[in-house]
N, C-alpha and C. Protein backbone atom coordinates (compact mmCIF):
# COMPACT_ATOMS: atom_id res chain seq x y z
N MET A 1 63.06 -10.66 -53.78
CA MET A 1 64.32 -10.03 -52.94
C MET A 1 63.71 -9.68 -51.48
N LYS A 2 64.68 -10.22 -50.75
CA LYS A 2 64.60 -9.97 -49.22
C LYS A 2 65.47 -8.62 -49.02
N ALA A 3 65.01 -7.81 -48.18
CA ALA A 3 65.46 -6.59 -47.69
C ALA A 3 65.41 -5.85 -46.42
N LEU A 4 66.32 -5.18 -46.13
CA LEU A 4 66.23 -4.54 -44.87
C LEU A 4 66.25 -3.13 -45.36
N LEU A 5 65.48 -2.23 -44.81
CA LEU A 5 65.61 -0.93 -45.02
C LEU A 5 65.46 -0.43 -43.56
N HIS A 6 66.84 0.12 -43.56
CA HIS A 6 67.38 1.19 -42.32
C HIS A 6 67.04 2.27 -42.23
N ILE A 7 66.43 2.77 -41.11
CA ILE A 7 65.91 4.40 -41.28
C ILE A 7 66.49 4.70 -39.74
N GLN A 8 67.26 5.78 -39.59
CA GLN A 8 67.83 6.54 -38.21
C GLN A 8 67.19 7.90 -38.29
N LEU A 9 66.61 8.20 -37.30
CA LEU A 9 66.28 9.32 -36.66
C LEU A 9 66.98 9.96 -35.73
N THR A 10 67.57 11.26 -36.13
CA THR A 10 68.49 11.77 -35.23
C THR A 10 68.20 13.36 -35.02
N ALA A 11 68.73 13.93 -34.16
CA ALA A 11 68.19 15.15 -34.03
C ALA A 11 69.15 16.21 -34.97
N GLU A 12 70.36 15.63 -35.17
CA GLU A 12 71.36 16.42 -35.79
C GLU A 12 72.04 15.64 -37.16
N VAL A 13 72.07 15.98 -38.11
CA VAL A 13 72.88 15.17 -38.99
C VAL A 13 74.10 14.47 -38.62
N HIS A 14 75.09 15.21 -38.04
CA HIS A 14 76.13 14.55 -37.53
C HIS A 14 76.28 13.32 -36.43
N GLU A 15 75.01 13.19 -35.95
CA GLU A 15 74.58 12.60 -34.72
C GLU A 15 74.56 10.98 -35.71
N VAL A 16 74.59 10.84 -36.71
CA VAL A 16 73.97 9.60 -37.50
C VAL A 16 75.16 8.58 -37.21
N PRO A 17 75.28 7.39 -36.26
CA PRO A 17 76.20 6.50 -36.02
C PRO A 17 76.27 5.37 -37.09
N TYR A 18 77.37 4.77 -37.01
CA TYR A 18 77.75 3.93 -37.85
C TYR A 18 77.47 2.32 -37.63
N GLN A 19 78.01 2.12 -36.36
CA GLN A 19 77.94 0.94 -35.91
C GLN A 19 76.27 0.54 -35.08
N THR A 20 75.47 -0.09 -35.85
CA THR A 20 74.09 -0.19 -35.41
C THR A 20 73.48 -1.37 -35.67
N THR A 21 72.12 -1.91 -35.10
CA THR A 21 71.65 -2.99 -34.92
C THR A 21 71.58 -3.47 -36.49
N ALA A 22 71.26 -2.50 -37.61
CA ALA A 22 71.29 -2.96 -38.70
C ALA A 22 72.59 -3.54 -39.52
N ARG A 23 73.55 -2.81 -38.82
CA ARG A 23 74.97 -3.32 -39.30
C ARG A 23 75.17 -5.05 -39.01
N HIS A 24 74.93 -5.43 -37.58
CA HIS A 24 74.62 -6.39 -37.35
C HIS A 24 73.96 -7.29 -38.02
N ILE A 25 72.79 -6.85 -38.63
CA ILE A 25 71.86 -7.58 -39.48
C ILE A 25 72.46 -8.10 -40.64
N ILE A 26 72.96 -6.80 -41.19
CA ILE A 26 73.67 -6.92 -42.86
C ILE A 26 74.94 -8.10 -42.51
N ASN A 27 75.64 -8.29 -41.58
CA ASN A 27 76.74 -9.14 -41.43
C ASN A 27 75.87 -10.54 -41.15
N GLN A 28 75.00 -10.69 -40.77
CA GLN A 28 74.53 -12.05 -40.21
C GLN A 28 73.63 -12.42 -41.30
N TYR A 29 72.96 -11.60 -42.33
CA TYR A 29 72.35 -12.27 -43.40
C TYR A 29 72.95 -11.36 -44.68
N PRO A 30 73.97 -11.68 -45.26
CA PRO A 30 74.54 -11.22 -46.29
C PRO A 30 73.85 -11.30 -47.62
N GLU A 31 73.02 -12.25 -47.57
CA GLU A 31 72.16 -12.31 -49.18
C GLU A 31 71.17 -11.26 -49.28
N VAL A 32 70.84 -10.71 -47.82
CA VAL A 32 69.79 -9.64 -47.87
C VAL A 32 70.46 -8.26 -48.49
N SER A 33 69.27 -7.74 -49.38
CA SER A 33 69.93 -6.62 -49.78
C SER A 33 69.68 -5.49 -48.79
N SER A 34 69.96 -4.26 -48.74
CA SER A 34 69.92 -3.44 -47.47
C SER A 34 70.21 -1.87 -48.27
N PHE A 35 69.23 -1.16 -47.40
CA PHE A 35 69.39 0.25 -47.59
C PHE A 35 69.29 1.20 -46.86
N GLY A 36 69.83 2.17 -46.69
CA GLY A 36 69.80 3.15 -45.36
C GLY A 36 69.47 4.23 -45.71
N LEU A 37 68.73 5.14 -45.00
CA LEU A 37 68.53 6.73 -44.93
C LEU A 37 68.37 7.31 -43.46
N ASP A 38 68.22 8.35 -43.57
CA ASP A 38 67.93 8.88 -42.13
C ASP A 38 66.92 10.18 -42.50
N ASN A 39 66.45 10.93 -41.58
CA ASN A 39 65.51 12.03 -41.62
C ASN A 39 66.37 13.05 -42.22
N HIS A 40 67.50 13.27 -42.36
CA HIS A 40 68.04 14.19 -43.27
C HIS A 40 68.50 13.89 -44.55
N SER A 41 67.78 12.74 -45.05
CA SER A 41 68.07 12.54 -46.55
C SER A 41 66.97 13.15 -47.56
N SER A 42 67.86 13.05 -48.76
CA SER A 42 67.19 13.85 -49.82
C SER A 42 66.19 13.05 -50.02
N ALA A 43 65.40 13.67 -51.21
CA ALA A 43 63.99 13.28 -51.70
C ALA A 43 64.49 11.98 -52.70
N GLU A 44 65.64 12.19 -53.50
CA GLU A 44 66.13 11.02 -53.92
C GLU A 44 66.14 9.96 -53.17
N MET A 45 66.45 10.18 -52.36
CA MET A 45 66.95 8.79 -51.42
C MET A 45 65.53 8.09 -50.80
N LEU A 46 64.94 8.73 -50.60
CA LEU A 46 63.36 8.35 -49.95
C LEU A 46 62.63 7.74 -51.44
N ASP A 47 62.58 8.23 -52.57
CA ASP A 47 62.16 7.51 -54.04
C ASP A 47 62.73 6.25 -54.15
N TYR A 48 63.93 6.18 -53.70
CA TYR A 48 64.71 4.88 -54.00
C TYR A 48 64.39 3.91 -52.89
N ALA A 49 63.98 4.38 -51.88
CA ALA A 49 63.37 3.58 -50.51
C ALA A 49 62.07 3.06 -50.95
N ARG A 50 61.26 3.96 -51.55
CA ARG A 50 60.02 3.50 -52.17
C ARG A 50 59.74 2.57 -52.90
N GLU A 51 60.86 2.35 -54.08
CA GLU A 51 61.16 1.28 -55.27
C GLU A 51 61.60 -0.09 -54.32
N MET A 52 62.59 0.14 -53.58
CA MET A 52 62.65 -1.06 -52.83
C MET A 52 61.54 -1.62 -52.25
N ILE A 53 60.54 -1.15 -51.44
CA ILE A 53 59.41 -1.48 -50.64
C ILE A 53 58.59 -2.28 -51.67
N GLU A 54 58.44 -1.60 -53.03
CA GLU A 54 57.52 -2.10 -54.24
C GLU A 54 58.50 -3.65 -54.73
N ARG A 55 59.67 -3.76 -54.62
CA ARG A 55 60.00 -4.90 -55.31
C ARG A 55 60.50 -6.06 -54.51
N THR A 56 60.36 -5.76 -53.32
CA THR A 56 60.93 -7.08 -52.27
C THR A 56 59.79 -7.85 -51.95
N SER A 57 60.11 -9.06 -51.43
CA SER A 57 59.21 -10.02 -51.37
C SER A 57 59.07 -10.37 -49.94
N GLN A 58 59.98 -10.05 -49.09
CA GLN A 58 60.21 -9.92 -47.47
C GLN A 58 60.85 -8.66 -47.12
N LEU A 59 60.39 -7.80 -46.20
CA LEU A 59 61.05 -6.57 -45.98
C LEU A 59 60.95 -6.39 -44.33
N LEU A 60 62.10 -5.99 -43.91
CA LEU A 60 62.37 -5.62 -42.58
C LEU A 60 62.59 -4.06 -42.63
N VAL A 61 61.69 -3.50 -42.07
CA VAL A 61 61.83 -1.91 -42.06
C VAL A 61 62.38 -1.52 -40.69
N LEU A 62 63.82 -1.06 -40.33
CA LEU A 62 64.19 -1.19 -39.11
C LEU A 62 64.61 0.38 -38.84
N LEU A 63 63.57 0.93 -37.80
CA LEU A 63 63.78 2.36 -37.71
C LEU A 63 64.44 2.66 -36.24
N GLU A 64 65.60 3.24 -36.37
CA GLU A 64 66.30 3.53 -35.08
C GLU A 64 66.24 5.01 -34.53
N CYS A 65 65.83 5.39 -33.66
CA CYS A 65 65.46 6.76 -33.15
C CYS A 65 66.36 6.92 -32.17
N TYR A 66 67.21 7.97 -32.51
CA TYR A 66 68.16 8.25 -31.30
C TYR A 66 67.89 9.52 -30.25
N SER A 67 66.74 9.76 -30.74
CA SER A 67 66.14 11.26 -30.19
C SER A 67 64.57 11.27 -30.50
N PRO A 68 64.10 11.04 -29.12
CA PRO A 68 62.52 11.07 -29.43
C PRO A 68 61.95 12.62 -29.63
N ASP A 69 63.05 13.70 -29.87
CA ASP A 69 62.52 14.68 -30.30
C ASP A 69 62.84 15.05 -31.71
N ALA A 70 63.43 14.08 -32.52
CA ALA A 70 64.01 14.04 -33.55
C ALA A 70 62.95 14.52 -34.77
N LYS A 71 63.27 15.48 -35.55
CA LYS A 71 62.05 16.07 -36.58
C LYS A 71 62.30 14.63 -37.44
N SER A 72 60.93 14.33 -38.01
CA SER A 72 60.70 13.23 -38.97
C SER A 72 61.05 13.93 -40.18
N GLY A 73 61.03 15.24 -40.68
CA GLY A 73 61.26 15.55 -41.85
C GLY A 73 60.36 14.70 -43.07
N ARG A 74 61.15 14.57 -43.88
CA ARG A 74 60.78 13.68 -45.25
C ARG A 74 60.33 12.37 -45.26
N LEU A 75 60.69 11.94 -43.81
CA LEU A 75 60.46 10.48 -43.69
C LEU A 75 58.79 10.11 -43.46
N VAL A 76 58.29 11.36 -43.04
CA VAL A 76 56.50 11.19 -42.61
C VAL A 76 56.10 10.62 -44.18
N SER A 77 56.24 11.08 -45.02
CA SER A 77 55.73 10.58 -46.39
C SER A 77 56.23 9.25 -46.90
N LEU A 78 57.11 8.83 -46.62
CA LEU A 78 57.62 7.35 -46.38
C LEU A 78 57.05 6.53 -45.71
N LEU A 79 56.58 6.92 -44.36
CA LEU A 79 56.09 6.25 -43.32
C LEU A 79 54.32 6.15 -43.66
N ASN A 80 53.86 7.27 -44.40
CA ASN A 80 52.71 7.15 -44.63
C ASN A 80 52.53 6.26 -45.59
N THR A 81 53.30 6.12 -46.84
CA THR A 81 53.45 5.33 -47.73
C THR A 81 53.11 3.67 -47.07
N LEU A 82 54.00 3.61 -46.21
CA LEU A 82 54.22 2.22 -45.70
C LEU A 82 52.50 1.86 -44.78
N ILE A 83 52.10 2.82 -44.07
CA ILE A 83 51.13 2.60 -43.31
C ILE A 83 49.88 2.85 -44.14
N ARG A 84 49.66 3.27 -45.21
CA ARG A 84 48.79 3.12 -46.21
C ARG A 84 48.56 2.03 -47.05
N LYS A 85 49.87 1.36 -47.27
CA LYS A 85 49.92 0.03 -48.16
C LYS A 85 49.77 -1.30 -47.54
N LYS A 86 50.08 -1.00 -46.25
CA LYS A 86 50.29 -2.04 -45.22
C LYS A 86 50.82 -3.12 -45.87
N PRO A 87 51.92 -3.28 -46.53
CA PRO A 87 52.46 -4.56 -47.29
C PRO A 87 52.26 -5.65 -46.70
N GLU A 88 51.91 -6.87 -46.73
CA GLU A 88 51.82 -8.13 -46.17
C GLU A 88 53.29 -8.64 -45.68
N HIS A 89 54.04 -8.36 -46.84
CA HIS A 89 55.37 -8.88 -46.71
C HIS A 89 56.26 -7.90 -45.90
N MET A 90 55.65 -7.05 -45.11
CA MET A 90 56.91 -6.16 -44.16
C MET A 90 56.57 -6.22 -42.88
N GLU A 91 57.44 -5.96 -41.85
CA GLU A 91 57.23 -5.91 -40.43
C GLU A 91 58.39 -4.58 -40.18
N LEU A 92 57.65 -3.82 -39.43
CA LEU A 92 58.20 -2.53 -39.08
C LEU A 92 58.83 -2.62 -37.55
N VAL A 93 60.07 -2.33 -37.16
CA VAL A 93 60.82 -2.29 -36.02
C VAL A 93 61.19 -1.14 -35.47
N LEU A 94 60.67 -0.84 -34.24
CA LEU A 94 61.19 0.40 -33.62
C LEU A 94 62.13 0.44 -32.82
N LEU A 95 63.33 0.81 -32.68
CA LEU A 95 64.26 0.76 -31.82
C LEU A 95 64.18 2.13 -31.25
N GLY A 96 64.28 2.46 -29.57
CA GLY A 96 64.20 3.60 -29.41
C GLY A 96 62.74 4.07 -29.20
N ALA A 97 62.56 5.51 -29.15
CA ALA A 97 61.27 5.98 -28.78
C ALA A 97 60.96 7.14 -29.72
N HIS A 98 59.86 7.26 -30.23
CA HIS A 98 59.56 8.38 -30.79
C HIS A 98 57.58 8.26 -31.03
N PRO A 99 57.28 9.28 -30.47
CA PRO A 99 55.78 9.24 -30.27
C PRO A 99 55.05 9.26 -31.59
N MET A 100 55.39 9.98 -32.67
CA MET A 100 54.81 10.07 -33.99
C MET A 100 54.88 8.77 -34.57
N VAL A 101 56.09 8.11 -34.35
CA VAL A 101 56.16 6.62 -35.33
C VAL A 101 55.58 5.68 -34.50
N GLU A 102 55.58 5.74 -33.10
CA GLU A 102 54.73 4.61 -32.29
C GLU A 102 53.25 4.94 -32.81
N LYS A 103 52.88 5.92 -32.92
CA LYS A 103 51.29 6.33 -33.27
C LYS A 103 50.80 5.81 -34.67
N MET A 104 51.63 5.88 -35.32
CA MET A 104 51.66 5.63 -37.09
C MET A 104 51.76 4.18 -36.94
N GLY A 105 52.80 3.51 -36.35
CA GLY A 105 52.88 2.17 -36.49
C GLY A 105 51.86 1.48 -35.64
N ARG A 106 50.97 1.69 -34.92
CA ARG A 106 50.08 0.97 -34.32
C ARG A 106 49.14 0.51 -35.34
N THR A 107 48.96 1.13 -36.39
CA THR A 107 48.21 0.72 -37.28
C THR A 107 48.22 -0.64 -38.15
N LEU A 108 49.58 -0.97 -38.05
CA LEU A 108 49.90 -1.97 -38.65
C LEU A 108 49.92 -3.33 -37.58
N GLY A 109 49.65 -3.30 -36.73
CA GLY A 109 48.88 -4.46 -36.02
C GLY A 109 50.11 -5.16 -35.35
N GLU A 110 50.08 -6.46 -35.66
CA GLU A 110 51.19 -7.38 -35.43
C GLU A 110 52.37 -7.24 -35.86
N ARG A 111 52.36 -6.54 -37.20
CA ARG A 111 53.48 -6.18 -38.05
C ARG A 111 54.28 -5.11 -37.57
N PHE A 112 53.98 -4.64 -36.15
CA PHE A 112 54.64 -3.19 -35.98
C PHE A 112 55.40 -3.78 -34.38
N HIS A 113 56.50 -3.58 -34.26
CA HIS A 113 57.11 -3.89 -32.99
C HIS A 113 58.02 -2.77 -32.30
N VAL A 114 57.57 -2.66 -30.96
CA VAL A 114 58.15 -1.35 -30.15
C VAL A 114 59.28 -1.86 -29.36
N ARG A 115 60.61 -1.50 -29.52
CA ARG A 115 61.80 -1.74 -28.57
C ARG A 115 61.50 -3.56 -28.29
N PRO A 116 61.87 -4.13 -29.46
CA PRO A 116 61.84 -5.76 -28.95
C PRO A 116 62.93 -6.28 -28.69
N ASP A 117 63.25 -7.21 -27.43
CA ASP A 117 64.16 -7.59 -26.87
C ASP A 117 65.18 -8.35 -28.06
N GLU A 118 66.15 -9.00 -27.84
CA GLU A 118 67.03 -9.70 -28.54
C GLU A 118 66.56 -10.88 -29.07
N GLN A 119 65.69 -11.45 -28.21
CA GLN A 119 64.93 -12.70 -28.71
C GLN A 119 63.93 -12.45 -29.76
N ALA A 120 63.11 -11.64 -29.24
CA ALA A 120 62.16 -11.23 -30.03
C ALA A 120 62.52 -10.91 -31.38
N LEU A 121 63.59 -9.84 -31.50
CA LEU A 121 63.94 -9.49 -32.97
C LEU A 121 64.68 -10.50 -33.66
N GLN A 122 65.27 -11.71 -32.76
CA GLN A 122 65.78 -12.63 -33.63
C GLN A 122 64.63 -13.56 -34.26
N LYS A 123 63.58 -13.54 -33.64
CA LYS A 123 62.46 -14.29 -34.43
C LYS A 123 61.93 -13.49 -35.73
N ILE A 124 61.93 -12.11 -35.58
CA ILE A 124 61.48 -11.50 -36.51
C ILE A 124 62.47 -11.57 -37.77
N LYS A 125 63.62 -11.77 -37.49
CA LYS A 125 64.54 -11.74 -38.44
C LYS A 125 64.50 -12.95 -38.99
N GLY A 126 64.49 -14.14 -38.22
CA GLY A 126 64.29 -15.33 -39.11
C GLY A 126 63.32 -15.80 -39.53
N ARG A 127 62.03 -15.17 -39.49
CA ARG A 127 60.64 -15.30 -40.14
C ARG A 127 60.69 -14.31 -41.34
N LEU A 128 61.26 -13.54 -41.57
CA LEU A 128 61.57 -12.73 -42.71
C LEU A 128 62.81 -13.31 -43.77
N PHE A 129 64.08 -13.72 -43.01
CA PHE A 129 65.01 -13.88 -43.64
C PHE A 129 65.43 -15.37 -44.02
N ALA A 130 64.92 -16.14 -43.17
CA ALA A 130 65.39 -17.81 -42.91
C ALA A 130 64.97 -18.62 -44.14
């Protein structure tokens, strides 16, 4: 299964936008499974995200940060899982800026992409979903 895990970091729960880069990817690759959550999501949502990570053959984790000061909340445990396991079938893309995510993501090496331009993001999507 190919999947997109969309994570949003916002300062307030009411700031979570609907039209996002993830929405465009979902429209471009309708055959790809997708799941979205944010830093205000419940523990059950995080458990489902962990299950998705385990079941996928190709995974794009798209983390959109709308505030560098946003509290990561429960997402820290999910990010720790990703960093600890370092699944070969996953790439993590950070859109926006968040010092903690950038620090954690660097341990993924070439599978971590910080604010890629549209051409670089297209290559990542093509590599995972084509």
